[in-house]
Amino acid sequence: MEKVGFKMAKRKKRSSLIEAEAQMERLLKRVGYKGTGGNPIHSVPDYKVRSNLPKTSDVVCTNGPKMNTPSYTGYEILGIVVSHKSNLMPIRRDNKQEAVEASKMRR
């Protein structure tokens, strides 16, 4: 048995596609597009050294010294109160009245 290769038939372009392509060509001509002149996927960038550019350095600058970050000492918070619907509220040591109010709010 012979294998028969599958060949796709070329489709005819619809008139709407032909008109869209013509409109695009007119637009490109109007804006002055001249094309890339080749395949843009395989273009090689120009890495030549140019003398008119300023010299650069290999050194990367630092950000400066690290700022002091505040840390919790463990003395400010007295405890945590569970309010209605499992809402957790911190109670500060300097405001014990807040703990009383939170306990009354729970009921």
Foldseek 3Di string as FASTA:
>chain_A
DDDDDDDDDDDDDDPVVVVVVVVVVVVCVVVPPDDDPDDPVPDDDDPDDDPVDDDDDPDDDDPDDDDDDDDDPPQFWPAWDQAPPRDIDTDGPVCCVVVVVRVVRRD
